Amino acid sequence: MSAAADEIAAVLLDTGAFLVRPEAPFRLTSGLHAPFYVNCRLILSRHEARARAAAALAATVPQPATTIIAGGVTAGVPFATLVADRLGLPMVYVRAEAKAHGTAGRIEGGAVAGERVHLIEDLISTAGSILAFTRALRDAGAEVEGVSVLFSRAGRSARQALEEAGLAIAAVCDLDTLLGVALASGRIDEGALGEVRAFLADPEGWSARHAA
């Protein structure tokens, strides 16, 4: 991809955010078992890593068109906050669903009607959460044309869903880049890499073979 992609790949590796464990697979939200997991939240505990992630994400935000930065609850909120601070822009966050008390709001931080909002998320896989957050912002009157993520492992169906929703995505780093940097730096061996590739080629089949 780019120098920024390699840098964020290194950040993910240095913070332990890229976990490869074929012998004890991770259970994903989808219910599938996978040999790897990416936990971008681990970046937040390190100042230098946070700063590098914020700079990389901020560079993808359209300027000066964007008037508000938005983050999705929960993982997108800290990264959206970092980007908003870096760009000197207002920031809101979007709940998965409206709260059942108080103002019963789904979008917190201010009104978005008539604003050009750019969504920030930590990563994308199926795009389900991103599409839901985008719908909520648009329903509230915001103009949302793009989303930026630190890491992407979006497949063809996710990219197609974003395109159909009229949503452009800017991903700082993707799985191919992460695997390449991990292999070159000795953070992953050929055996583990083979398991990751096997999962990507046939997620359902790999999961069925490795489910406990």
C-alpha atoms as a PDB file:
ATOM      1  CA  MET A   1       0.000   0.000   0.000  1.00  0.00           C
ATOM      2  CA  SER A   2       2.069   2.945   1.290  1.00  0.00           C
ATOM      3  CA  ALA A   3       4.655   3.995   3.846  1.00  0.00           C
ATOM      4  CA  ALA A   4       1.789   4.830   6.213  1.00  0.00           C
ATOM      5  CA  ALA A   5       0.437   1.293   5.784  1.00  0.00           C
ATOM      6  CA  ASP A   6       3.800  -0.231   6.671  1.00  0.00           C
ATOM      7  CA  GLU A   7       4.085   2.090   9.666  1.00  0.00           C
ATOM      8  CA  ILE A   8       0.683   1.122  11.038  1.00  0.00           C
ATOM      9  CA  ALA A   9       1.442  -2.547  10.397  1.00  0.00           C
ATOM     10  CA  ALA A  10       4.526  -2.087  12.573  1.00  0.00           C
ATOM     11  CA  VAL A  11       2.405  -0.342  15.225  1.00  0.00           C
ATOM     12  CA  LEU A  12      -0.055  -3.248  15.268  1.00  0.00           C
ATOM     13  CA  LEU A  13       2.798  -5.716  15.652  1.00  0.00           C
ATOM     14  CA  ASP A  14       4.708  -3.691  18.259  1.00  0.00           C
ATOM     15  CA  THR A  15       1.615  -3.284  20.463  1.00  0.00           C
ATOM     16  CA  GLY A  16       0.655  -6.943  20.197  1.00  0.00           C
ATOM     17  CA  ALA A  17      -2.561  -6.043  18.415  1.00  0.00           C
ATOM     18  CA  PHE A  18      -2.055  -8.749  15.774  1.00  0.00           C
ATOM     19  CA  LEU A  19      -2.602 -12.125  17.361  1.00  0.00           C
ATOM     20  CA  VAL A  20      -2.048 -15.397  15.478  1.00  0.00           C
ATOM     21  CA  ARG A  21      -3.129 -18.566  17.251  1.00  0.00           C
ATOM     22  CA  PRO A  22      -4.080 -21.419  14.900  1.00  0.00           C
ATOM     23  CA  GLU A  23      -3.862 -23.976  17.705  1.00  0.00           C
ATOM     24  CA  ALA A  24      -6.449 -22.085  19.814  1.00  0.00           C
ATOM     25  CA  PRO A  25      -8.635 -20.166  17.336  1.00  0.00           C
ATOM     26  CA  PHE A  26     -10.485 -16.976  18.119  1.00  0.00           C
ATOM     27  CA  ARG A  27     -14.283 -16.937  17.958  1.00  0.00           C
ATOM     28  CA  LEU A  28     -15.442 -14.009  15.826  1.00  0.00           C
ATOM     29  CA  THR A  29     -18.654 -11.997  16.041  1.00  0.00           C
ATOM     30  CA  SER A  30     -19.888 -13.953  13.034  1.00  0.00           C
ATOM     31  CA  GLY A  31     -19.551 -17.167  15.040  1.00  0.00           C
ATOM     32  CA  LEU A  32     -16.691 -18.433  12.904  1.00  0.00           C
ATOM     33  CA  HIS A  33     -13.397 -19.563  14.399  1.00  0.00           C
ATOM     34  CA  ALA A  34     -10.302 -17.868  12.995  1.00  0.00           C
ATOM     35  CA  PRO A  35      -6.541 -18.366  13.429  1.00  0.00           C
ATOM     36  CA  PHE A  36      -5.921 -14.642  13.909  1.00  0.00           C
ATOM     37  CA  TYR A  37      -7.423 -11.575  15.536  1.00  0.00           C
ATOM     38  CA  VAL A  38      -6.637  -7.861  15.286  1.00  0.00           C
ATOM     39  CA  ASN A  39      -7.289  -5.803  18.422  1.00  0.00           C
ATOM     40  CA  CYS A  40      -6.640  -2.151  17.588  1.00  0.00           C
ATOM     41  CA  ARG A  41      -7.626  -1.144  21.124  1.00  0.00           C
ATOM     42  CA  LEU A  42      -4.180  -2.201  22.344  1.00  0.00           C
ATOM     43  CA  ILE A  43      -2.737   0.797  20.506  1.00  0.00           C
ATOM     44  CA  LEU A  44      -4.507   3.116  22.939  1.00  0.00           C
ATOM     45  CA  SER A  45      -2.294   2.233  25.905  1.00  0.00           C
ATOM     46  CA  ARG A  46       0.862   3.586  24.238  1.00  0.00           C
ATOM     47  CA  HIS A  47       1.345   7.280  23.613  1.00  0.00           C
ATOM     48  CA  GLU A  48       3.631   7.022  20.605  1.00  0.00           C
ATOM     49  CA  ALA A  49       1.459   4.369  18.970  1.00  0.00           C
ATOM     50  CA  ARG A  50      -1.649   6.508  19.522  1.00  0.00           C
ATOM     51  CA  ALA A  51       0.045   9.506  17.965  1.00  0.00           C
ATOM     52  CA  ARG A  52       1.105   7.546  14.876  1.00  0.00           C
ATOM     53  CA  ALA A  53      -2.382   6.093  14.470  1.00  0.00           C
ATOM     54  CA  ALA A  54      -3.982   9.528  14.864  1.00  0.00           C
ATOM     55  CA  ALA A  55      -1.672  11.086  12.279  1.00  0.00           C
ATOM     56  CA  ALA A  56      -2.294   8.301   9.773  1.00  0.00           C
ATOM     57  CA  LEU A  57      -6.072   8.487  10.166  1.00  0.00           C
ATOM     58  CA  ALA A  58      -6.176  12.295  10.109  1.00  0.00           C
ATOM     59  CA  ALA A  59      -4.334  12.304   6.788  1.00  0.00           C
ATOM     60  CA  THR A  60      -7.257  10.424   5.204  1.00  0.00           C
ATOM     61  CA  VAL A  61      -9.964  12.898   6.225  1.00  0.00           C
ATOM     62  CA  PRO A  62     -11.131  15.212   3.407  1.00  0.00           C
ATOM     63  CA  GLN A  63     -10.165  18.782   4.210  1.00  0.00           C
ATOM     64  CA  PRO A  64     -11.585  21.391   4.406  1.00  0.00           C
ATOM     65  CA  ALA A  65     -14.863  19.701   3.422  1.00  0.00           C
ATOM     66  CA  THR A  66     -15.347  17.776   6.670  1.00  0.00           C
ATOM     67  CA  THR A  67     -17.100  19.723   9.403  1.00  0.00           C
ATOM     68  CA  ILE A  68     -17.563  16.990  12.050  1.00  0.00           C
ATOM     69  CA  ILE A  69     -15.738  13.788  12.956  1.00  0.00           C
ATOM     70  CA  ALA A  70     -17.867  10.867  14.157  1.00  0.00           C
ATOM     71  CA  GLY A  71     -16.918   7.657  15.936  1.00  0.00           C
ATOM     72  CA  GLY A  72     -18.938   4.497  16.443  1.00  0.00           C
ATOM     73  CA  VAL A  73     -19.412   3.009  19.892  1.00  0.00           C
ATOM     74  CA  THR A  74     -17.243   1.647  21.197  1.00  0.00           C
ATOM     75  CA  ALA A  75     -13.979   1.033  19.389  1.00  0.00           C
ATOM     76  CA  GLY A  76     -14.279   3.948  16.990  1.00  0.00           C
ATOM     77  CA  VAL A  77     -14.782   6.584  19.691  1.00  0.00           C
ATOM     78  CA  PRO A  78     -11.192   6.927  20.995  1.00  0.00           C
ATOM     79  CA  PHE A  79      -9.747   7.004  17.473  1.00  0.00           C
ATOM     80  CA  ALA A  80     -12.333   9.569  16.351  1.00  0.00           C
ATOM     81  CA  THR A  81     -11.456  11.678  19.398  1.00  0.00           C
ATOM     82  CA  LEU A  82      -7.755  11.565  18.540  1.00  0.00           C
ATOM     83  CA  VAL A  83      -8.456  12.592  14.939  1.00  0.00           C
ATOM     84  CA  ALA A  84     -10.872  15.379  15.899  1.00  0.00           C
ATOM     85  CA  ASP A  85      -8.322  16.824  18.323  1.00  0.00           C
ATOM     86  CA  ARG A  86      -5.586  16.638  15.715  1.00  0.00           C
ATOM     87  CA  LEU A  87      -7.716  18.410  13.092  1.00  0.00           C
ATOM     88  CA  GLY A  88      -9.365  20.853  15.488  1.00  0.00           C
ATOM     89  CA  LEU A  89     -12.857  19.679  14.532  1.00  0.00           C
ATOM     90  CA  PRO A  90     -16.050  18.970  16.499  1.00  0.00           C
ATOM     91  CA  MET A  91     -16.712  15.323  17.289  1.00  0.00           C
ATOM     92  CA  VAL A  92     -19.790  13.197  17.942  1.00  0.00           C
ATOM     93  CA  TYR A  93     -20.259   9.539  18.653  1.00  0.00           C
ATOM     94  CA  VAL A  94     -22.942   7.124  17.500  1.00  0.00           C
ATOM     95  CA  ARG A  95     -24.489   4.415  19.647  1.00  0.00           C
ATOM     96  CA  ALA A  96     -25.381   1.006  18.270  1.00  0.00           C
ATOM     97  CA  GLU A  97     -28.939   1.807  19.345  1.00  0.00           C
ATOM     98  CA  ALA A  98     -30.735   4.648  21.080  1.00  0.00           C
ATOM     99  CA  LYS A  99     -30.402   4.613  24.849  1.00  0.00           C
ATOM    100  CA  ALA A 100     -33.540   3.829  26.825  1.00  0.00           C
ATOM    101  CA  HIS A 101     -33.218   6.700  29.296  1.00  0.00           C
ATOM    102  CA  GLY A 102     -32.450  10.427  29.451  1.00  0.00           C
ATOM    103  CA  THR A 103     -32.718  12.035  26.026  1.00  0.00           C
ATOM    104  CA  ALA A 104     -33.019   8.608  24.340  1.00  0.00           C
ATOM    105  CA  GLY A 105     -30.424   9.802  21.841  1.00  0.00           C
ATOM    106  CA  ARG A 106     -28.356   7.686  19.514  1.00  0.00           C
ATOM    107  CA  ILE A 107     -25.940  10.436  18.459  1.00  0.00           C
ATOM    108  CA  GLU A 108     -24.135  12.209  21.282  1.00  0.00           C
ATOM    109  CA  GLY A 109     -22.055  15.363  21.262  1.00  0.00           C
ATOM    110  CA  GLY A 110     -24.164  17.741  19.184  1.00  0.00           C
ATOM    111  CA  ALA A 111     -26.457  18.133  16.207  1.00  0.00           C
ATOM    112  CA  VAL A 112     -25.278  16.814  12.832  1.00  0.00           C
ATOM    113  CA  ALA A 113     -28.093  18.016  10.547  1.00  0.00           C
ATOM    114  CA  GLY A 114     -26.650  19.792   7.525  1.00  0.00           C
ATOM    115  CA  GLU A 115     -23.071  18.879   8.491  1.00  0.00           C
ATOM    116  CA  ARG A 116     -20.519  16.976   6.412  1.00  0.00           C
ATOM    117  CA  VAL A 117     -19.559  14.158   8.722  1.00  0.00           C
ATOM    118  CA  HIS A 118     -16.604  11.817   8.303  1.00  0.00           C
ATOM    119  CA  LEU A 119     -16.831   8.536  10.187  1.00  0.00           C
ATOM    120  CA  ILE A 120     -13.801   7.013  11.921  1.00  0.00           C
ATOM    121  CA  GLU A 121     -13.610   3.350  12.916  1.00  0.00           C
ATOM    122  CA  ASP A 122     -10.765   1.196  14.182  1.00  0.00           C
ATOM    123  CA  LEU A 123     -11.256  -1.539  11.575  1.00  0.00           C
ATOM    124  CA  ILE A 124     -13.616  -3.037   9.036  1.00  0.00           C
ATOM    125  CA  SER A 125     -14.471  -6.661   8.315  1.00  0.00           C
ATOM    126  CA  THR A 126     -18.111  -7.145   7.276  1.00  0.00           C
ATOM    127  CA  ALA A 127     -18.987  -3.401   7.217  1.00  0.00           C
ATOM    128  CA  GLY A 128     -22.179  -4.062   9.186  1.00  0.00           C
ATOM    129  CA  SER A 129     -21.425  -1.630  12.015  1.00  0.00           C
ATOM    130  CA  ILE A 130     -20.143   1.059   9.678  1.00  0.00           C
ATOM    131  CA  LEU A 131     -23.299   0.903   7.571  1.00  0.00           C
ATOM    132  CA  ALA A 132     -25.493   1.057  10.683  1.00  0.00           C
ATOM    133  CA  PHE A 133     -23.632   4.100  12.052  1.00  0.00           C
ATOM    134  CA  THR A 134     -23.838   5.791   8.649  1.00  0.00           C
ATOM    135  CA  ARG A 135     -27.597   5.236   8.449  1.00  0.00           C
ATOM    136  CA  ALA A 136     -28.043   6.751  11.902  1.00  0.00           C
ATOM    137  CA  LEU A 137     -26.045   9.847  10.949  1.00  0.00           C
ATOM    138  CA  ARG A 138     -27.891  10.250   7.661  1.00  0.00           C
ATOM    139  CA  ASP A 139     -31.251   9.789   9.374  1.00  0.00           C
ATOM    140  CA  ALA A 140     -30.238  12.674  11.635  1.00  0.00           C
ATOM    141  CA  GLY A 141     -29.641  14.875   8.584  1.00  0.00           C
ATOM    142  CA  ALA A 142     -25.879  14.529   8.182  1.00  0.00           C
ATOM    143  CA  GLU A 143     -24.107  14.216   4.859  1.00  0.00           C
ATOM    144  CA  VAL A 144     -21.823  11.182   5.143  1.00  0.00           C
ATOM    145  CA  GLU A 145     -19.734  10.239   2.139  1.00  0.00           C
ATOM    146  CA  GLY A 146     -16.689   8.559   3.640  1.00  0.00           C
ATOM    147  CA  VAL A 147     -15.240   6.482   6.431  1.00  0.00           C
ATOM    148  CA  SER A 148     -11.635   6.007   7.500  1.00  0.00           C
ATOM    149  CA  VAL A 149     -10.353   2.919   9.272  1.00  0.00           C
ATOM    150  CA  LEU A 150      -6.972   2.094  10.692  1.00  0.00           C
ATOM    151  CA  PHE A 151      -7.124  -1.495   9.507  1.00  0.00           C
ATOM    152  CA  SER A 152      -9.138  -3.345   6.873  1.00  0.00           C
ATOM    153  CA  ARG A 153      -9.810  -6.976   6.201  1.00  0.00           C
ATOM    154  CA  ALA A 154     -12.960  -6.199   4.242  1.00  0.00           C
ATOM    155  CA  GLY A 155     -13.915  -8.772   1.645  1.00  0.00           C
ATOM    156  CA  ARG A 156     -15.664  -8.278  -1.659  1.00  0.00           C
ATOM    157  CA  SER A 157     -19.158  -8.306  -0.142  1.00  0.00           C
ATOM    158  CA  ALA A 158     -18.237  -5.625   2.402  1.00  0.00           C
ATOM    159  CA  ARG A 159     -16.711  -3.395  -0.269  1.00  0.00           C
ATOM    160  CA  GLN A 160     -19.767  -3.867  -2.457  1.00  0.00           C
ATOM    161  CA  ALA A 161     -22.085  -2.952   0.411  1.00  0.00           C
ATOM    162  CA  LEU A 162     -20.140   0.257   1.024  1.00  0.00           C
ATOM    163  CA  GLU A 163     -20.272   1.140  -2.652  1.00  0.00           C
ATOM    164  CA  GLU A 164     -24.021   0.559  -2.783  1.00  0.00           C
ATOM    165  CA  ALA A 165     -24.409   2.824   0.241  1.00  0.00           C
ATOM    166  CA  GLY A 166     -22.438   5.572  -1.500  1.00  0.00           C
ATOM    167  CA  LEU A 167     -19.707   5.388   1.106  1.00  0.00           C
ATOM    168  CA  ALA A 168     -16.039   5.717   0.168  1.00  0.00           C
ATOM    169  CA  ILE A 169     -13.568   3.966   2.448  1.00  0.00           C
ATOM    170  CA  ALA A 170     -10.003   4.971   3.242  1.00  0.00           C
ATOM    171  CA  ALA A 171      -8.058   2.210   4.986  1.00  0.00           C
ATOM    172  CA  VAL A 172      -4.599   3.019   6.325  1.00  0.00           C
ATOM    173  CA  CYS A 173      -3.456  -0.609   6.483  1.00  0.00           C
ATOM    174  CA  ASP A 174      -4.818  -3.903   5.162  1.00  0.00           C
ATOM    175  CA  LEU A 175      -4.263  -7.566   5.936  1.00  0.00           C
ATOM    176  CA  ASP A 176      -1.890  -8.222   3.037  1.00  0.00           C
ATOM    177  CA  THR A 177       0.389  -5.416   4.230  1.00  0.00           C
ATOM    178  CA  LEU A 178       0.218  -6.591   7.836  1.00  0.00           C
ATOM    179  CA  LEU A 179       1.074 -10.169   6.884  1.00  0.00           C
ATOM    180  CA  GLY A 180       3.947  -9.001   4.687  1.00  0.00           C
ATOM    181  CA  VAL A 181       5.483  -6.860   7.426  1.00  0.00           C
ATOM    182  CA  ALA A 182       4.941  -9.610  10.000  1.00  0.00           C
ATOM    183  CA  LEU A 183       6.685 -12.191   7.815  1.00  0.00           C
ATOM    184  CA  ALA A 184       9.576  -9.888   6.906  1.00  0.00           C
ATOM    185  CA  SER A 185      10.173  -9.027  10.556  1.00  0.00           C
ATOM    186  CA  GLY A 186       9.924 -12.605  11.774  1.00  0.00           C
ATOM    187  CA  ARG A 187       6.713 -11.978  13.728  1.00  0.00           C
ATOM    188  CA  ILE A 188       4.939 -14.798  11.890  1.00  0.00           C
ATOM    189  CA  ASP A 189       6.320 -18.030  10.469  1.00  0.00           C
ATOM    190  CA  GLU A 190       5.405 -19.731   7.225  1.00  0.00           C
ATOM    191  CA  GLY A 191       3.289 -22.328   9.013  1.00  0.00           C
ATOM    192  CA  ALA A 192       1.118 -19.783  10.782  1.00  0.00           C
ATOM    193  CA  LEU A 193       0.931 -17.687   7.616  1.00  0.00           C
ATOM    194  CA  GLY A 194      -0.323 -20.754   5.773  1.00  0.00           C
ATOM    195  CA  GLU A 195      -3.127 -21.180   8.312  1.00  0.00           C
ATOM    196  CA  VAL A 196      -4.156 -17.534   7.927  1.00  0.00           C
ATOM    197  CA  ARG A 197      -4.189 -17.892   4.146  1.00  0.00           C
ATOM    198  CA  ALA A 198      -6.200 -21.111   4.423  1.00  0.00           C
ATOM    199  CA  PHE A 199      -8.789 -19.354   6.568  1.00  0.00           C
ATOM    200  CA  LEU A 200      -9.061 -16.429   4.155  1.00  0.00           C
ATOM    201  CA  ALA A 201      -9.555 -18.814   1.237  1.00  0.00           C
ATOM    202  CA  ASP A 202     -12.324 -20.755   3.009  1.00  0.00           C
ATOM    203  CA  PRO A 203     -13.442 -19.207   6.322  1.00  0.00           C
ATOM    204  CA  GLU A 204     -16.365 -21.559   6.882  1.00  0.00           C
ATOM    205  CA  GLY A 205     -14.355 -24.665   6.050  1.00  0.00           C
ATOM    206  CA  TRP A 206     -11.370 -23.668   8.205  1.00  0.00           C
ATOM    207  CA  SER A 207     -13.695 -22.804  11.080  1.00  0.00           C
ATOM    208  CA  ALA A 208     -15.529 -26.120  10.848  1.00  0.00           C
ATOM    209  CA  ARG A 209     -12.252 -28.019  10.937  1.00  0.00           C
ATOM    210  CA  HIS A 210     -10.906 -26.143  13.952  1.00  0.00           C
ATOM    211  CA  ALA A 211     -13.978 -25.518  16.108  1.00  0.00           C
ATOM    212  CA  ALA A 212     -13.644 -27.051  19.555  1.00  0.00           C
END
